[in-house]
Protein backbone atom coordinates (compact mmCIF):
# COMPACT_ATOMS: atom_id res chain seq x y z
CA MET A 1 -90.37 -96.24 55.12
CA LYS A 2 -87.95 -95.57 58.21
CA GLN A 3 -87.17 -92.07 59.06
CA GLN A 4 -84.13 -91.88 60.80
CA THR A 5 -83.65 -89.91 64.25
CA ARG A 6 -81.09 -87.13 64.76
CA SER A 7 -78.29 -89.53 66.76
CA LYS A 8 -77.84 -91.04 64.24
CA GLN A 9 -77.67 -88.68 61.05
CA ARG A 10 -73.61 -88.12 60.24
CA GLY A 11 -72.49 -84.89 58.58
CA ILE A 12 -70.76 -81.38 60.10
CA SER A 13 -73.11 -78.47 60.45
CA PHE A 14 -73.54 -75.36 58.64
CA LEU A 15 -71.73 -73.46 61.73
CA GLY A 16 -69.08 -75.89 61.61
CA LEU A 17 -68.44 -75.84 58.22
CA VAL A 18 -67.93 -71.70 58.47
CA PHE A 19 -65.75 -72.48 61.37
CA VAL A 20 -62.99 -75.09 59.61
CA GLY A 21 -63.46 -72.53 56.70
CA GLY A 22 -62.77 -69.64 58.21
CA VAL A 23 -59.89 -71.68 59.55
CA LEU A 24 -58.78 -72.47 55.65
CA ALA A 25 -59.03 -69.68 54.66
CA VAL A 26 -56.82 -67.81 57.30
CA VAL A 27 -53.93 -70.74 57.23
CA GLY A 28 -54.18 -69.92 53.69
CA VAL A 29 -53.71 -65.67 53.14
CA VAL A 30 -50.40 -66.38 56.12
CA ALA A 31 -49.34 -69.35 53.84
CA ALA A 32 -49.40 -66.59 50.57
CA GLN A 33 -48.00 -64.24 52.55
CA VAL A 34 -44.86 -66.40 54.03
CA PHE A 35 -44.10 -68.27 50.40
CA PRO A 36 -42.63 -65.24 48.56
CA THR A 37 -40.16 -64.95 51.76
CA PHE A 38 -39.10 -68.52 51.69
CA VAL A 39 -38.95 -68.16 47.88
CA GLU A 40 -36.51 -65.11 48.26
CA TYR A 41 -34.26 -66.61 50.83
CA GLN A 42 -33.39 -69.86 48.45
CA ALA A 43 -32.30 -66.75 46.65
CA VAL A 44 -29.96 -65.48 49.11
CA LEU A 45 -29.00 -69.31 49.80
CA LYS A 46 -27.78 -69.25 45.92
CA ALA A 47 -26.40 -66.41 45.57
CA THR A 48 -24.13 -66.38 48.88
CA LYS A 49 -23.16 -70.40 47.14
CA LYS A 50 -22.27 -68.53 44.03
CA ALA A 51 -20.67 -65.06 46.06
CA SER A 52 -18.12 -67.80 47.65
CA SER A 53 -16.96 -68.47 44.65
CA GLY A 54 -14.63 -64.70 45.15
CA ASN A 55 -10.99 -64.78 46.30
CA THR A 56 -11.75 -61.32 48.20
CA VAL A 57 -14.27 -59.32 49.65
CA PRO A 58 -14.94 -56.79 46.98
CA GLU A 59 -15.03 -59.18 44.74
CA VAL A 60 -17.29 -61.87 46.34
CA ARG A 61 -19.67 -58.29 47.94
CA THR A 62 -19.43 -57.80 43.79
CA LEU A 63 -20.50 -61.35 43.07
CA PHE A 64 -23.90 -60.94 45.94
CA GLU A 65 -24.90 -57.54 44.28
CA ARG A 66 -25.30 -59.55 40.51
CA ALA A 67 -26.76 -62.47 41.17
CA ALA A 68 -29.36 -59.99 44.02
CA GLU A 69 -30.31 -58.47 40.92
CA VAL A 70 -30.91 -60.87 38.84
CA ASP A 71 -32.67 -63.22 41.63
CA ASN A 72 -34.22 -59.84 42.69
CA ILE A 73 -33.24 -60.12 45.85
CA THR A 74 -34.28 -57.16 48.17
CA SER A 75 -34.02 -58.21 52.30
CA MET A 76 -30.53 -58.26 52.06
CA LYS A 77 -27.99 -55.82 50.89
CA ALA A 78 -24.21 -56.62 50.15
CA LYS A 79 -22.75 -54.90 52.37
CA ASP A 80 -25.21 -57.47 55.04
CA LEU A 81 -22.94 -60.58 54.38
CA GLU A 82 -20.47 -61.43 57.42
CA ILE A 83 -17.93 -62.92 54.89
CA THR A 84 -15.05 -64.77 56.69
CA LYS A 85 -12.30 -68.09 55.48
CA ASP A 86 -12.17 -71.47 56.74
CA GLY A 87 -8.21 -72.14 56.12
CA GLU A 88 -8.46 -71.52 51.96
CA THR A 89 -12.18 -71.67 51.55
CA ILE A 90 -14.24 -68.41 52.09
CA VAL A 91 -17.55 -68.68 53.76
CA VAL A 92 -20.24 -66.78 53.40
CA ARG A 93 -22.96 -65.82 56.22
CA PHE A 94 -25.95 -63.89 56.50
CA ALA A 95 -29.02 -63.48 58.67
CA TYR A 96 -31.94 -61.28 58.11
CA GLN A 97 -35.84 -60.94 59.41
CA ARG A 98 -38.98 -60.20 57.53
CA GLU A 99 -42.05 -58.91 59.02
CA ILE A 100 -45.56 -59.77 57.93
CA HIS A 101 -48.69 -57.60 58.64
CA LEU A 102 -51.10 -60.10 60.08
CA ALA A 103 -53.90 -57.97 61.21
CA GLY A 104 -53.79 -54.65 63.78
CA PRO A 105 -50.34 -54.32 66.44
CA ALA A 106 -50.19 -58.52 65.88
CA TYR A 107 -47.00 -59.29 63.26
CA LEU A 108 -45.18 -62.26 61.83
CA THR A 109 -41.56 -62.27 62.41
CA LEU A 110 -39.19 -64.40 60.37
CA LYS A 111 -35.79 -64.75 61.05
CA TYR A 112 -34.05 -66.07 58.23
CA THR A 113 -29.50 -67.51 58.42
CA GLY A 114 -27.41 -69.27 56.58
CA GLN A 115 -24.27 -69.59 54.81
CA SER A 116 -22.37 -70.52 52.23
CA ASN A 117 -20.95 -73.76 52.88
């Protein structure tokens, strides 16, 4: 029976495994906090597209408020929308940011912008 020397052994050391596991855990925690903000962004985008079917500014804001209630949008309100007219088409724009507390004084700031058309 041959004994393998240490130089021919393959694999990851225990400390390497702990380090990789720690990095994956941190990435997983941050991703779990970012994912709901992305889902909310998609809901805001869908709500602005619905709201752009309105004919007047108050009607657009009302349509957005209804969609925001259904989709549980909390990051912005209808008054935060920028509503303009491009020819005969109503364009609804939005911009907002979300901050996620990481640790101590560290925050992750996510800036979301979009428009209906």
